[in-house]
């Protein structure tokens, strides 16, 4: 490697490290907000002597779902940038796609920050967990939209051999696209089910069926994260020193072919359209109406 190539590699690594530091700051702010909100709610319950073990467990499940989602997103964003941009430096990356990845990462953190804000005592007193549910749904939607963009593609290998690492990253992106789309359909189907059972504001989560909806919502989020990390770990996590690369699971291996990824993208589009129909029928489009219903529920 020439001195010029070595210098460019060093500058590329610094760029990636700076971006990872930015994501780490947003992660720390969101974590601080969530923990502060948890403290305020526990403190108010103890001071007001309305301590309830069931309510505490309910709030704990919501907080756990946020912490798991936040931690996984931070880890995957960090590793995704490492695997994608450190291999051969930024020289082989197309600038527009690099810019789209930066926008995707930053805008995907916005719903995470809103989720953290919604866990505060004041938002909960007004509308319960409504803003948490909406922010988490927006998080899945934004990631789904951004994953539908083109992936990172650089210069083809000089020997004409297929780029296995690039195929695995693209397969992982398509897997995320399918997983998020399916999760959104399931979440809004459950929301629609609880609305049809007579709950005006299922996401308030204070009593009756509301508690069941919020618990189901959080369990679905946690299950989604568990499926995610079980599949993405072999691609994003580095192999042990001296060992060969970890082989992905059957699903990601199956998705390494471009023609199969096109079919999965089409399936994800169908799921997104189904989500739009469910959202429209549930009346979630009208945020003002949802807020009024939850404040009066």
Foldseek 3Di string as FASTA:
>chain_A
DDPVQVVQLVVLVVVLVVLLVVLVVLLVLLVVLQVQQLVVVVVVCVVVVVDDPVVNVLLVLLSVLLVLVSVLLSLCLSLLCCLQANPRHCPFWDVVQVVLSSVLSVVLSVLSSQLSNCSHPVNLLQQAQQSNLVSVLVSLVSLLVSLLDDHTGGDADPVNDDDQLVLLSNLLSLVSNLLSLVLLLVLLVLVLVVVVVPQLALCSCDDDNSVVSSSVNSVSSNVSSVVSCLQCVQNRPADDPPDDRDDGDPSSVVSSDPVVSVVSNVVSVVSVVSSVVSCVVSVVVPVVSNSVSSSVD
